[in-house]
Amino acid sequence: MEYREPPPPLAAAWVTKKNRAGTHFYFYNQETGESTWAKPPDAIDASSLANAVSSLMDNQSNSAKALNASSKKREREGGKDNDKKEKESKSKKQRSSSSVPKGKVRAFHILKKHKDSSRPYDRNKKKISRTKEEAREEIEGFKDMMESVEGEELLEVFKATATEESDCSSAKRGGDLGPFEYGKMRKEFSEAAFALPVGGVSGIVETSSGVHIILRWTD
């Protein structure tokens, strides 16, 4: 292709020159001394360059828009998730609150500590050496004894046994813990006491304090 007008901008080292007649332009490489009528392969086409730059800018703009839209979507979804979690948390708390027994119960208990209890000392502050299995066996014996009596007689037998055998300070009151709300005692103890009918004796209840049996009574 012969150029009668100045050709597009060229890459580095290439320049345009006119022929001797001054009618056409040709290309000359100042580094290699090469000359050619044809546009060098690495010559820059201004319009192509402009189009490429414009296309790149459009792509960047579109990417930014897409990223912004995606970010807003995540924010909306995140807000919805947070609302959902908050509602679930409130619902869970309400369910938990409604499932907690109301009111108070009055209970007596007999406690046998063992060497793995949180405070393995008896009422006389003597170190306890019995094992948990031995503590369970003693409590089982007390429970068997309670099965043969009921009513006021049960209460009297229970109180007498607690006074003589319990490792709790309540022994001086016959094991009487008085009225208490749910959760005031250890979880296992509260659950067992509130599950009993009035006049009922629990099975073996284990807590960190030791091994218990519980008698639920009226106020």
N, C-alpha and C. Protein backbone atom coordinates (compact mmCIF):
# COMPACT_ATOMS: atom_id res chain seq x y z
N MET A 1 0.85 -1.19 0.00
CA MET A 1 0.00 0.00 0.00
C MET A 1 0.89 1.24 0.00
N GLU A 2 0.66 2.12 -0.92
CA GLU A 2 1.44 3.34 -0.99
C GLU A 2 0.65 4.48 -0.38
N TYR A 3 1.30 5.27 0.46
CA TYR A 3 0.65 6.36 1.17
C TYR A 3 0.95 7.69 0.50
N ARG A 4 -0.09 8.38 0.08
CA ARG A 4 0.07 9.74 -0.46
C ARG A 4 -0.08 10.76 0.66
N GLU A 5 -0.78 10.36 1.73
CA GLU A 5 -0.93 11.20 2.91
C GLU A 5 -0.07 10.60 4.03
N PRO A 6 0.28 11.38 5.04
CA PRO A 6 1.07 10.81 6.16
C PRO A 6 0.33 9.63 6.78
N PRO A 7 1.01 8.51 6.95
CA PRO A 7 0.39 7.31 7.51
C PRO A 7 0.13 7.48 9.00
N PRO A 8 -0.58 6.50 9.61
CA PRO A 8 -0.84 6.55 11.05
C PRO A 8 0.47 6.55 11.84
N PRO A 9 0.41 6.87 13.13
CA PRO A 9 1.61 6.85 13.97
C PRO A 9 2.28 5.49 13.94
N LEU A 10 3.59 5.50 14.02
CA LEU A 10 4.36 4.27 13.95
C LEU A 10 4.96 3.91 15.29
N ALA A 11 5.40 2.64 15.39
CA ALA A 11 6.06 2.19 16.59
C ALA A 11 7.44 2.81 16.67
N ALA A 12 8.08 2.67 17.82
CA ALA A 12 9.41 3.25 18.04
C ALA A 12 10.38 2.75 16.97
N ALA A 13 11.30 3.63 16.56
CA ALA A 13 12.37 3.38 15.57
C ALA A 13 11.92 3.56 14.14
N TRP A 14 10.61 3.50 13.89
CA TRP A 14 10.11 3.68 12.53
C TRP A 14 9.71 5.15 12.34
N VAL A 15 10.08 5.66 11.15
CA VAL A 15 9.68 7.02 10.76
C VAL A 15 9.20 6.98 9.32
N THR A 16 8.49 8.02 8.92
CA THR A 16 8.03 8.12 7.53
C THR A 16 8.89 9.14 6.78
N LYS A 17 9.13 8.81 5.54
CA LYS A 17 9.88 9.72 4.66
C LYS A 17 9.20 9.80 3.30
N LYS A 18 9.41 10.93 2.60
CA LYS A 18 8.86 11.06 1.25
C LYS A 18 9.86 10.54 0.24
N ASN A 19 9.32 10.04 -0.87
CA ASN A 19 10.23 9.63 -1.96
C ASN A 19 10.83 10.86 -2.63
N ARG A 20 11.76 10.62 -3.52
CA ARG A 20 12.46 11.74 -4.15
C ARG A 20 11.51 12.64 -4.94
N ALA A 21 10.50 12.01 -5.48
CA ALA A 21 9.55 12.81 -6.27
C ALA A 21 8.63 13.61 -5.37
N GLY A 22 8.58 13.22 -4.09
CA GLY A 22 7.73 13.92 -3.13
C GLY A 22 6.27 13.60 -3.28
N THR A 23 6.00 12.47 -3.91
CA THR A 23 4.58 12.12 -4.13
C THR A 23 4.05 11.08 -3.15
N HIS A 24 4.95 10.29 -2.57
CA HIS A 24 4.51 9.20 -1.69
C HIS A 24 5.38 9.15 -0.42
N PHE A 25 4.83 8.52 0.56
CA PHE A 25 5.57 8.28 1.81
C PHE A 25 6.02 6.82 1.86
N TYR A 26 7.19 6.60 2.45
CA TYR A 26 7.63 5.22 2.72
C TYR A 26 8.12 5.16 4.17
N PHE A 27 8.40 3.94 4.63
CA PHE A 27 8.76 3.73 6.03
C PHE A 27 10.23 3.40 6.16
N TYR A 28 10.86 3.97 7.19
CA TYR A 28 12.30 3.77 7.38
C TYR A 28 12.56 3.49 8.86
N ASN A 29 13.30 2.40 9.13
CA ASN A 29 13.65 2.02 10.50
C ASN A 29 15.02 2.59 10.83
N GLN A 30 15.06 3.52 11.79
CA GLN A 30 16.29 4.21 12.12
C GLN A 30 17.31 3.31 12.82
N GLU A 31 16.86 2.23 13.38
CA GLU A 31 17.79 1.33 14.07
C GLU A 31 18.39 0.31 13.13
N THR A 32 17.61 -0.22 12.20
CA THR A 32 18.09 -1.28 11.32
C THR A 32 18.45 -0.78 9.92
N GLY A 33 17.99 0.42 9.56
CA GLY A 33 18.23 0.94 8.22
C GLY A 33 17.28 0.37 7.18
N GLU A 34 16.31 -0.42 7.64
CA GLU A 34 15.34 -1.04 6.72
C GLU A 34 14.37 0.02 6.22
N SER A 35 13.99 -0.08 4.95
CA SER A 35 12.97 0.80 4.40
C SER A 35 11.96 -0.04 3.64
N THR A 36 10.68 0.38 3.66
CA THR A 36 9.64 -0.39 3.01
C THR A 36 8.47 0.52 2.67
N TRP A 37 7.81 0.18 1.53
CA TRP A 37 6.60 0.90 1.18
C TRP A 37 5.42 0.44 2.04
N ALA A 38 5.48 -0.81 2.45
CA ALA A 38 4.36 -1.36 3.23
C ALA A 38 4.46 -0.94 4.70
N LYS A 39 3.32 -0.76 5.32
CA LYS A 39 3.31 -0.37 6.72
C LYS A 39 3.96 -1.48 7.53
N PRO A 40 4.92 -1.16 8.40
CA PRO A 40 5.58 -2.19 9.20
C PRO A 40 4.57 -2.98 10.05
N PRO A 41 4.88 -4.26 10.25
CA PRO A 41 3.95 -5.10 11.03
C PRO A 41 3.65 -4.54 12.42
N ASP A 42 4.66 -3.86 12.99
CA ASP A 42 4.45 -3.37 14.35
C ASP A 42 4.02 -1.92 14.40
N ALA A 43 3.62 -1.40 13.27
CA ALA A 43 3.14 -0.01 13.26
C ALA A 43 1.84 0.09 14.04
N ILE A 44 1.62 1.20 14.70
CA ILE A 44 0.42 1.39 15.52
C ILE A 44 -0.66 2.05 14.70
N ASP A 45 -1.81 1.42 14.67
CA ASP A 45 -2.97 1.99 14.00
C ASP A 45 -3.72 2.83 15.03
N ALA A 46 -3.74 4.13 14.82
CA ALA A 46 -4.32 5.04 15.81
C ALA A 46 -5.77 4.72 16.10
N SER A 47 -6.54 4.45 15.05
CA SER A 47 -7.96 4.16 15.25
C SER A 47 -8.15 2.86 16.01
N SER A 48 -7.28 1.85 15.67
CA SER A 48 -7.37 0.57 16.37
C SER A 48 -7.00 0.74 17.83
N LEU A 49 -5.94 1.59 18.05
CA LEU A 49 -5.53 1.84 19.41
C LEU A 49 -6.64 2.52 20.21
N ALA A 50 -7.28 3.50 19.58
CA ALA A 50 -8.36 4.21 20.24
C ALA A 50 -9.51 3.27 20.57
N ASN A 51 -9.82 2.38 19.61
CA ASN A 51 -10.90 1.41 19.83
C ASN A 51 -10.55 0.46 20.97
N ALA A 52 -9.26 0.02 20.98
CA ALA A 52 -8.84 -0.91 22.02
C ALA A 52 -8.92 -0.25 23.40
N VAL A 53 -8.47 1.01 23.49
CA VAL A 53 -8.53 1.73 24.76
C VAL A 53 -9.98 1.91 25.19
N SER A 54 -10.84 2.29 24.23
CA SER A 54 -12.25 2.50 24.54
C SER A 54 -12.90 1.20 25.03
N SER A 55 -12.54 0.08 24.36
CA SER A 55 -13.10 -1.21 24.74
C SER A 55 -12.65 -1.61 26.14
N LEU A 56 -11.36 -1.35 26.44
CA LEU A 56 -10.84 -1.67 27.76
C LEU A 56 -11.55 -0.87 28.84
N MET A 57 -11.76 0.41 28.57
CA MET A 57 -12.44 1.26 29.54
C MET A 57 -13.88 0.82 29.76
N ASP A 58 -14.53 0.41 28.64
CA ASP A 58 -15.90 -0.08 28.76
C ASP A 58 -15.96 -1.34 29.63
N ASN A 59 -14.97 -2.26 29.39
CA ASN A 59 -14.94 -3.50 30.16
C ASN A 59 -14.73 -3.23 31.64
N GLN A 60 -13.81 -2.26 31.92
CA GLN A 60 -13.56 -1.92 33.31
C GLN A 60 -14.80 -1.31 33.97
N SER A 61 -15.49 -0.47 33.21
CA SER A 61 -16.70 0.16 33.72
C SER A 61 -17.77 -0.89 34.00
N ASN A 62 -17.92 -1.83 33.04
CA ASN A 62 -18.92 -2.88 33.21
C ASN A 62 -18.58 -3.77 34.41
N SER A 63 -17.27 -4.07 34.57
CA SER A 63 -16.84 -4.90 35.70
C SER A 63 -17.13 -4.20 37.02
N ALA A 64 -16.86 -2.88 37.04
CA ALA A 64 -17.12 -2.11 38.26
C ALA A 64 -18.61 -2.10 38.60
N LYS A 65 -19.45 -1.93 37.56
CA LYS A 65 -20.89 -1.94 37.78
C LYS A 65 -21.37 -3.30 38.31
N ALA A 66 -20.82 -4.37 37.69
CA ALA A 66 -21.21 -5.72 38.11
C ALA A 66 -20.78 -5.98 39.55
N LEU A 67 -19.56 -5.52 39.88
CA LEU A 67 -19.06 -5.71 41.24
C LEU A 67 -19.91 -4.94 42.25
N ASN A 68 -20.27 -3.72 41.88
CA ASN A 68 -21.10 -2.89 42.76
C ASN A 68 -22.48 -3.52 42.98
N ALA A 69 -23.05 -4.04 41.87
CA ALA A 69 -24.36 -4.68 41.97
C ALA A 69 -24.29 -5.93 42.84
N SER A 70 -23.17 -6.71 42.66
CA SER A 70 -23.00 -7.92 43.45
C SER A 70 -22.84 -7.59 44.93
N SER A 71 -22.08 -6.51 45.21
CA SER A 71 -21.87 -6.09 46.59
C SER A 71 -23.18 -5.69 47.25
N LYS A 72 -24.00 -4.92 46.51
CA LYS A 72 -25.30 -4.50 47.05
C LYS A 72 -26.20 -5.71 47.31
N LYS A 73 -26.13 -6.69 46.39
CA LYS A 73 -26.95 -7.88 46.55
C LYS A 73 -26.54 -8.64 47.81
N ARG A 74 -25.21 -8.76 48.01
CA ARG A 74 -24.73 -9.45 49.20
C ARG A 74 -25.16 -8.71 50.47
N GLU A 75 -25.13 -7.37 50.40
CA GLU A 75 -25.54 -6.58 51.55
C GLU A 75 -27.02 -6.82 51.88
N ARG A 76 -27.84 -6.86 50.79
CA ARG A 76 -29.28 -7.11 51.00
C ARG A 76 -29.49 -8.50 51.59
N GLU A 77 -28.78 -9.50 50.99
CA GLU A 77 -28.94 -10.87 51.48
C GLU A 77 -28.41 -11.00 52.89
N GLY A 78 -27.27 -10.29 53.16
CA GLY A 78 -26.71 -10.32 54.51
C GLY A 78 -27.68 -9.73 55.51
N GLY A 79 -28.34 -8.64 55.11
CA GLY A 79 -29.33 -8.02 56.00
C GLY A 79 -30.48 -8.96 56.27
N LYS A 80 -30.91 -9.67 55.23
CA LYS A 80 -32.00 -10.63 55.40
C LYS A 80 -31.57 -11.77 56.32
N ASP A 81 -30.31 -12.24 56.12
CA ASP A 81 -29.81 -13.33 56.97
C ASP A 81 -29.74 -12.88 58.42
N ASN A 82 -29.26 -11.64 58.64
CA ASN A 82 -29.17 -11.13 60.01
C ASN A 82 -30.54 -11.02 60.65
N ASP A 83 -31.52 -10.55 59.85
CA ASP A 83 -32.89 -10.45 60.37
C ASP A 83 -33.43 -11.83 60.74
N LYS A 84 -33.13 -12.80 59.85
CA LYS A 84 -33.61 -14.16 60.08
C LYS A 84 -32.97 -14.75 61.34
N LYS A 85 -31.63 -14.54 61.49
CA LYS A 85 -30.94 -15.06 62.66
C LYS A 85 -31.46 -14.41 63.94
N GLU A 86 -31.73 -13.10 63.85
CA GLU A 86 -32.24 -12.38 65.02
C GLU A 86 -33.61 -12.91 65.43
N LYS A 87 -34.47 -13.14 64.42
CA LYS A 87 -35.79 -13.68 64.71
C LYS A 87 -35.69 -15.08 65.32
N GLU A 88 -34.78 -15.91 64.74
CA GLU A 88 -34.61 -17.27 65.26
C GLU A 88 -34.10 -17.25 66.69
N SER A 89 -33.17 -16.30 66.96
CA SER A 89 -32.62 -16.18 68.31
C SER A 89 -33.70 -15.79 69.31
N LYS A 90 -34.54 -14.80 68.91
CA LYS A 90 -35.63 -14.37 69.78
C LYS A 90 -36.61 -15.51 70.03
N SER A 91 -36.92 -16.23 68.94
CA SER A 91 -37.86 -17.35 69.05
C SER A 91 -37.32 -18.43 69.98
N LYS A 92 -36.00 -18.68 69.84
CA LYS A 92 -35.36 -19.70 70.68
C LYS A 92 -35.41 -19.30 72.14
N LYS A 93 -35.12 -18.00 72.40
CA LYS A 93 -35.15 -17.51 73.78
C LYS A 93 -36.55 -17.60 74.36
N GLN A 94 -37.56 -17.27 73.50
CA GLN A 94 -38.94 -17.34 73.97
C GLN A 94 -39.33 -18.77 74.31
N ARG A 95 -38.91 -19.71 73.41
CA ARG A 95 -39.22 -21.12 73.66
C ARG A 95 -38.54 -21.59 74.94
N SER A 96 -37.27 -21.17 75.07
CA SER A 96 -36.50 -21.58 76.25
C SER A 96 -37.13 -21.03 77.51
N SER A 97 -37.56 -19.75 77.42
CA SER A 97 -38.17 -19.11 78.59
C SER A 97 -39.49 -19.78 78.96
N SER A 98 -40.27 -20.13 77.92
CA SER A 98 -41.58 -20.73 78.18
C SER A 98 -41.47 -22.16 78.70
N SER A 99 -40.32 -22.83 78.42
CA SER A 99 -40.15 -24.21 78.85
C SER A 99 -39.63 -24.33 80.28
N VAL A 100 -39.18 -23.23 80.87
CA VAL A 100 -38.68 -23.25 82.25
C VAL A 100 -39.86 -23.33 83.21
N PRO A 101 -39.87 -24.32 84.11
CA PRO A 101 -40.98 -24.44 85.07
C PRO A 101 -41.11 -23.19 85.92
N LYS A 102 -42.32 -22.80 86.18
CA LYS A 102 -42.60 -21.61 86.98
C LYS A 102 -42.83 -21.99 88.45
N GLY A 103 -42.79 -20.98 89.29
CA GLY A 103 -43.08 -21.21 90.70
C GLY A 103 -41.90 -21.81 91.46
N LYS A 104 -42.23 -22.37 92.62
CA LYS A 104 -41.21 -22.95 93.49
C LYS A 104 -41.62 -24.35 93.93
N VAL A 105 -40.64 -25.14 94.31
CA VAL A 105 -40.90 -26.43 94.94
C VAL A 105 -40.16 -26.47 96.28
N ARG A 106 -40.66 -27.26 97.19
CA ARG A 106 -39.95 -27.49 98.44
C ARG A 106 -39.42 -28.91 98.41
N ALA A 107 -38.15 -29.05 98.74
CA ALA A 107 -37.54 -30.39 98.65
C ALA A 107 -36.65 -30.67 99.85
N PHE A 108 -36.58 -31.96 100.18
CA PHE A 108 -35.62 -32.48 101.14
C PHE A 108 -34.66 -33.37 100.34
N HIS A 109 -33.44 -33.49 100.81
CA HIS A 109 -32.55 -34.41 100.09
C HIS A 109 -31.55 -35.04 101.05
N ILE A 110 -30.99 -36.15 100.59
CA ILE A 110 -29.90 -36.82 101.30
C ILE A 110 -28.73 -36.85 100.32
N LEU A 111 -27.59 -36.37 100.75
CA LEU A 111 -26.40 -36.29 99.88
C LEU A 111 -25.30 -37.19 100.42
N LYS A 112 -24.73 -37.98 99.52
CA LYS A 112 -23.53 -38.73 99.84
C LYS A 112 -22.42 -38.26 98.90
N LYS A 113 -21.40 -37.65 99.50
CA LYS A 113 -20.25 -37.21 98.71
C LYS A 113 -19.30 -38.38 98.48
N HIS A 114 -18.39 -38.20 97.54
CA HIS A 114 -17.36 -39.19 97.26
C HIS A 114 -16.06 -38.46 96.98
N LYS A 115 -15.00 -39.19 96.78
CA LYS A 115 -13.68 -38.58 96.65
C LYS A 115 -13.54 -37.69 95.41
N ASP A 116 -14.44 -37.86 94.44
CA ASP A 116 -14.39 -37.03 93.22
C ASP A 116 -15.40 -35.88 93.26
N SER A 117 -16.05 -35.67 94.38
CA SER A 117 -16.99 -34.55 94.52
C SER A 117 -16.23 -33.23 94.46
N SER A 118 -16.96 -32.16 94.16
CA SER A 118 -16.32 -30.85 94.07
C SER A 118 -15.71 -30.41 95.41
N ARG A 119 -16.36 -30.81 96.51
CA ARG A 119 -15.82 -30.53 97.85
C ARG A 119 -15.91 -31.83 98.67
N PRO A 120 -14.90 -32.69 98.57
CA PRO A 120 -14.97 -34.03 99.17
C PRO A 120 -14.70 -34.05 100.68
N TYR A 121 -15.52 -33.30 101.44
CA TYR A 121 -15.39 -33.26 102.89
C TYR A 121 -16.77 -33.45 103.51
N ASP A 122 -16.82 -34.18 104.64
CA ASP A 122 -18.10 -34.39 105.30
C ASP A 122 -18.43 -33.20 106.20
N ARG A 123 -19.50 -33.34 106.98
CA ARG A 123 -19.95 -32.22 107.83
C ARG A 123 -18.94 -31.85 108.91
N ASN A 124 -18.07 -32.81 109.23
CA ASN A 124 -17.03 -32.56 110.24
C ASN A 124 -15.71 -32.14 109.59
N LYS A 125 -15.79 -31.78 108.31
CA LYS A 125 -14.62 -31.34 107.55
C LYS A 125 -13.54 -32.41 107.42
N LYS A 126 -14.00 -33.64 107.45
CA LYS A 126 -13.09 -34.76 107.28
C LYS A 126 -13.07 -35.17 105.80
N LYS A 127 -11.86 -35.46 105.31
CA LYS A 127 -11.70 -35.85 103.90
C LYS A 127 -12.45 -37.15 103.64
N ILE A 128 -13.21 -37.17 102.54
CA ILE A 128 -14.00 -38.35 102.18
C ILE A 128 -13.20 -39.22 101.21
N SER A 129 -13.17 -40.50 101.48
CA SER A 129 -12.39 -41.42 100.65
C SER A 129 -13.26 -42.40 99.86
N ARG A 130 -14.57 -42.44 100.14
CA ARG A 130 -15.43 -43.39 99.44
C ARG A 130 -15.48 -43.08 97.94
N THR A 131 -15.68 -44.09 97.13
CA THR A 131 -15.79 -43.92 95.68
C THR A 131 -17.22 -43.53 95.31
N LYS A 132 -17.40 -43.12 94.05
CA LYS A 132 -18.75 -42.79 93.59
C LYS A 132 -19.65 -44.03 93.64
N GLU A 133 -19.10 -45.19 93.31
CA GLU A 133 -19.89 -46.42 93.33
C GLU A 133 -20.37 -46.74 94.74
N GLU A 134 -19.49 -46.51 95.71
CA GLU A 134 -19.87 -46.75 97.11
C GLU A 134 -20.95 -45.75 97.56
N ALA A 135 -20.81 -44.50 97.12
CA ALA A 135 -21.83 -43.49 97.45
C ALA A 135 -23.17 -43.88 96.85
N ARG A 136 -23.17 -44.38 95.61
CA ARG A 136 -24.40 -44.80 94.95
C ARG A 136 -25.05 -45.96 95.71
N GLU A 137 -24.22 -46.91 96.18
CA GLU A 137 -24.76 -48.06 96.91
C GLU A 137 -25.46 -47.62 98.20
N GLU A 138 -24.85 -46.64 98.89
CA GLU A 138 -25.47 -46.16 100.13
C GLU A 138 -26.80 -45.47 99.84
N ILE A 139 -26.83 -44.65 98.82
CA ILE A 139 -28.06 -43.95 98.45
C ILE A 139 -29.13 -44.94 98.01
N GLU A 140 -28.73 -45.98 97.27
CA GLU A 140 -29.67 -47.02 96.84
C GLU A 140 -30.32 -47.67 98.08
N GLY A 141 -29.51 -47.91 99.13
CA GLY A 141 -30.05 -48.51 100.35
C GLY A 141 -31.07 -47.60 101.01
N PHE A 142 -30.79 -46.29 101.04
CA PHE A 142 -31.76 -45.34 101.62
C PHE A 142 -33.05 -45.33 100.82
N LYS A 143 -32.91 -45.37 99.51
CA LYS A 143 -34.10 -45.32 98.64
C LYS A 143 -34.97 -46.55 98.85
N ASP A 144 -34.34 -47.71 98.95
CA ASP A 144 -35.09 -48.95 99.19
C ASP A 144 -35.88 -48.85 100.50
N MET A 145 -35.27 -48.24 101.50
CA MET A 145 -35.92 -48.09 102.80
C MET A 145 -37.15 -47.18 102.69
N MET A 146 -37.07 -46.14 101.84
CA MET A 146 -38.18 -45.19 101.69
C MET A 146 -39.39 -45.81 100.98
N GLU A 147 -39.17 -46.87 100.21
CA GLU A 147 -40.26 -47.47 99.44
C GLU A 147 -41.30 -48.15 100.30
N SER A 148 -40.97 -48.44 101.53
CA SER A 148 -41.91 -49.16 102.40
C SER A 148 -42.80 -48.23 103.22
N VAL A 149 -42.59 -46.93 103.08
CA VAL A 149 -43.40 -45.97 103.86
C VAL A 149 -43.92 -44.88 102.92
N GLU A 150 -44.92 -44.13 103.42
CA GLU A 150 -45.48 -43.05 102.62
C GLU A 150 -46.09 -41.99 103.52
N GLY A 151 -46.50 -40.89 102.90
CA GLY A 151 -47.14 -39.82 103.65
C GLY A 151 -46.23 -39.20 104.69
N GLU A 152 -46.83 -38.86 105.85
CA GLU A 152 -46.09 -38.23 106.92
C GLU A 152 -44.98 -39.13 107.46
N GLU A 153 -45.24 -40.43 107.44
CA GLU A 153 -44.23 -41.38 107.91
C GLU A 153 -43.01 -41.34 106.99
N LEU A 154 -43.25 -41.22 105.69
CA LEU A 154 -42.14 -41.10 104.73
C LEU A 154 -41.30 -39.87 105.04
N LEU A 155 -41.98 -38.76 105.30
CA LEU A 155 -41.27 -37.52 105.60
C LEU A 155 -40.41 -37.69 106.84
N GLU A 156 -40.95 -38.31 107.88
CA GLU A 156 -40.21 -38.47 109.13
C GLU A 156 -39.00 -39.39 108.94
N VAL A 157 -39.19 -40.49 108.21
CA VAL A 157 -38.08 -41.41 107.95
C VAL A 157 -37.00 -40.72 107.12
N PHE A 158 -37.43 -39.96 106.12
CA PHE A 158 -36.49 -39.27 105.24
C PHE A 158 -35.67 -38.26 106.06
N LYS A 159 -36.36 -37.48 106.88
CA LYS A 159 -35.69 -36.44 107.68
C LYS A 159 -34.70 -37.08 108.67
N ALA A 160 -35.10 -38.18 109.28
CA ALA A 160 -34.22 -38.84 110.25
C ALA A 160 -32.97 -39.39 109.56
N THR A 161 -33.17 -39.95 108.38
CA THR A 161 -32.03 -40.50 107.64
C THR A 161 -31.09 -39.38 107.19
N ALA A 162 -31.66 -38.28 106.73
CA ALA A 162 -30.84 -37.15 106.30
C ALA A 162 -30.03 -36.60 107.48
N THR A 163 -30.67 -36.51 108.64
CA THR A 163 -29.98 -35.99 109.83
C THR A 163 -28.77 -36.84 110.19
N GLU A 164 -28.91 -38.15 110.05
CA GLU A 164 -27.84 -39.07 110.43
C GLU A 164 -26.81 -39.30 109.32
N GLU A 165 -27.24 -39.29 108.08
CA GLU A 165 -26.38 -39.78 107.01
C GLU A 165 -25.95 -38.74 105.96
N SER A 166 -26.68 -37.65 105.81
CA SER A 166 -26.38 -36.73 104.71
C SER A 166 -25.08 -35.97 104.94
N ASP A 167 -24.32 -35.76 103.87
CA ASP A 167 -23.07 -35.00 103.93
C ASP A 167 -23.29 -33.52 103.62
N CYS A 168 -24.55 -33.10 103.55
CA CYS A 168 -24.87 -31.70 103.29
C CYS A 168 -25.15 -30.98 104.61
N SER A 169 -24.88 -29.68 104.64
CA SER A 169 -25.14 -28.90 105.86
C SER A 169 -26.63 -28.86 106.21
N SER A 170 -27.48 -29.18 105.20
CA SER A 170 -28.92 -29.21 105.46
C SER A 170 -29.32 -30.38 106.35
N ALA A 171 -28.37 -31.25 106.66
CA ALA A 171 -28.67 -32.42 107.50
C ALA A 171 -29.22 -31.98 108.86
N LYS A 172 -28.74 -30.86 109.37
CA LYS A 172 -29.22 -30.39 110.68
C LYS A 172 -30.68 -29.96 110.63
N ARG A 173 -31.22 -29.80 109.40
CA ARG A 173 -32.65 -29.48 109.24
C ARG A 173 -33.41 -30.67 108.67
N GLY A 174 -32.81 -31.84 108.78
CA GLY A 174 -33.45 -33.03 108.24
C GLY A 174 -33.41 -33.08 106.72
N GLY A 175 -32.44 -32.37 106.14
CA GLY A 175 -32.31 -32.35 104.67
C GLY A 175 -33.21 -31.34 103.99
N ASP A 176 -33.88 -30.49 104.79
CA ASP A 176 -34.82 -29.52 104.22
C ASP A 176 -34.08 -28.39 103.51
N LEU A 177 -34.39 -28.23 102.22
CA LEU A 177 -33.78 -27.14 101.43
C LEU A 177 -34.72 -25.95 101.31
N GLY A 178 -35.95 -26.12 101.79
CA GLY A 178 -36.91 -25.04 101.68
C GLY A 178 -37.41 -24.87 100.25
N PRO A 179 -38.31 -23.92 100.03
CA PRO A 179 -38.82 -23.66 98.67
C PRO A 179 -37.73 -22.99 97.81
N PHE A 180 -37.63 -23.38 96.55
CA PHE A 180 -36.66 -22.75 95.64
C PHE A 180 -37.20 -22.76 94.21
N GLU A 181 -36.76 -21.79 93.44
CA GLU A 181 -37.16 -21.70 92.04
C GLU A 181 -36.29 -22.60 91.17
N TYR A 182 -36.80 -22.88 89.98
CA TYR A 182 -36.03 -23.68 89.03
C TYR A 182 -34.73 -22.96 88.67
N GLY A 183 -33.64 -23.68 88.70
CA GLY A 183 -32.35 -23.08 88.33
C GLY A 183 -31.55 -22.58 89.51
N LYS A 184 -32.17 -22.51 90.71
CA LYS A 184 -31.44 -22.07 91.88
C LYS A 184 -30.47 -23.15 92.35
N MET A 185 -30.82 -24.39 92.10
CA MET A 185 -29.92 -25.52 92.39
C MET A 185 -29.22 -25.93 91.10
N ARG A 186 -28.35 -26.89 91.19
CA ARG A 186 -27.67 -27.37 89.99
C ARG A 186 -28.71 -27.96 89.02
N LYS A 187 -28.39 -27.89 87.75
CA LYS A 187 -29.34 -28.24 86.69
C LYS A 187 -29.96 -29.62 86.92
N GLU A 188 -29.12 -30.63 87.17
CA GLU A 188 -29.64 -31.99 87.35
C GLU A 188 -30.58 -32.08 88.55
N PHE A 189 -30.23 -31.34 89.59
CA PHE A 189 -31.05 -31.36 90.81
C PHE A 189 -32.38 -30.67 90.56
N SER A 190 -32.34 -29.50 89.91
CA SER A 190 -33.58 -28.76 89.62
C SER A 190 -34.52 -29.58 88.76
N GLU A 191 -33.97 -30.20 87.72
CA GLU A 191 -34.80 -30.99 86.81
C GLU A 191 -35.49 -32.14 87.56
N ALA A 192 -34.73 -32.82 88.42
CA ALA A 192 -35.30 -33.95 89.16
C ALA A 192 -36.35 -33.49 90.15
N ALA A 193 -36.08 -32.40 90.87
CA ALA A 193 -37.01 -31.92 91.90
C ALA A 193 -38.32 -31.45 91.29
N PHE A 194 -38.25 -30.69 90.20
CA PHE A 194 -39.46 -30.16 89.57
C PHE A 194 -40.25 -31.25 88.84
N ALA A 195 -39.61 -32.35 88.52
CA ALA A 195 -40.31 -33.44 87.82
C ALA A 195 -41.08 -34.34 88.78
N LEU A 196 -40.80 -34.23 90.09
CA LEU A 196 -41.44 -35.11 91.07
C LEU A 196 -42.84 -34.63 91.43
N PRO A 197 -43.75 -35.56 91.70
CA PRO A 197 -45.04 -35.16 92.28
C PRO A 197 -44.83 -34.90 93.77
N VAL A 198 -45.74 -34.20 94.40
CA VAL A 198 -45.65 -33.96 95.83
C VAL A 198 -45.67 -35.30 96.56
N GLY A 199 -44.71 -35.52 97.45
CA GLY A 199 -44.63 -36.78 98.17
C GLY A 199 -43.81 -37.83 97.44
N GLY A 200 -43.28 -37.48 96.29
CA GLY A 200 -42.50 -38.43 95.50
C GLY A 200 -41.02 -38.39 95.84
N VAL A 201 -40.36 -39.55 95.73
CA VAL A 201 -38.92 -39.66 95.97
C VAL A 201 -38.24 -39.95 94.64
N SER A 202 -37.17 -39.24 94.37
CA SER A 202 -36.48 -39.38 93.08
C SER A 202 -35.64 -40.65 93.04
N GLY A 203 -35.16 -40.95 91.86
CA GLY A 203 -34.12 -41.95 91.71
C GLY A 203 -32.80 -41.31 92.09
N ILE A 204 -31.70 -41.98 91.83
CA ILE A 204 -30.39 -41.42 92.13
C ILE A 204 -30.13 -40.22 91.23
N VAL A 205 -29.73 -39.12 91.83
CA VAL A 205 -29.40 -37.90 91.08
C VAL A 205 -27.94 -37.57 91.34
N GLU A 206 -27.15 -37.47 90.28
CA GLU A 206 -25.74 -37.16 90.43
C GLU A 206 -25.47 -35.71 90.01
N THR A 207 -24.76 -35.00 90.86
CA THR A 207 -24.29 -33.66 90.53
C THR A 207 -22.81 -33.59 90.90
N SER A 208 -22.22 -32.43 90.68
CA SER A 208 -20.81 -32.28 91.04
C SER A 208 -20.61 -32.36 92.56
N SER A 209 -21.68 -32.16 93.32
CA SER A 209 -21.58 -32.23 94.78
C SER A 209 -21.50 -33.67 95.27
N GLY A 210 -22.12 -34.59 94.51
CA GLY A 210 -22.13 -35.99 94.91
C GLY A 210 -23.38 -36.69 94.42
N VAL A 211 -23.86 -37.67 95.22
CA VAL A 211 -25.01 -38.48 94.83
C VAL A 211 -26.18 -38.18 95.78
N HIS A 212 -27.38 -37.93 95.22
CA HIS A 212 -28.54 -37.52 96.03
C HIS A 212 -29.74 -38.43 95.79
N ILE A 213 -30.67 -38.39 96.77
CA ILE A 213 -32.07 -38.70 96.50
C ILE A 213 -32.86 -37.50 97.03
N ILE A 214 -34.00 -37.24 96.39
CA ILE A 214 -34.77 -36.04 96.69
C ILE A 214 -36.21 -36.43 97.03
N LEU A 215 -36.75 -35.77 98.03
CA LEU A 215 -38.17 -35.91 98.38
C LEU A 215 -38.83 -34.55 98.14
N ARG A 216 -39.84 -34.53 97.28
CA ARG A 216 -40.58 -33.29 97.07
C ARG A 216 -41.72 -33.23 98.08
N TRP A 217 -41.88 -32.06 98.69
CA TRP A 217 -42.93 -31.91 99.70
C TRP A 217 -43.66 -30.60 99.47
N THR A 218 -44.72 -30.41 100.23
CA THR A 218 -45.48 -29.16 100.10
C THR A 218 -44.83 -28.09 100.96
N ASP A 219 -45.21 -26.83 100.68
CA ASP A 219 -44.68 -25.70 101.46
C ASP A 219 -45.19 -25.77 102.89
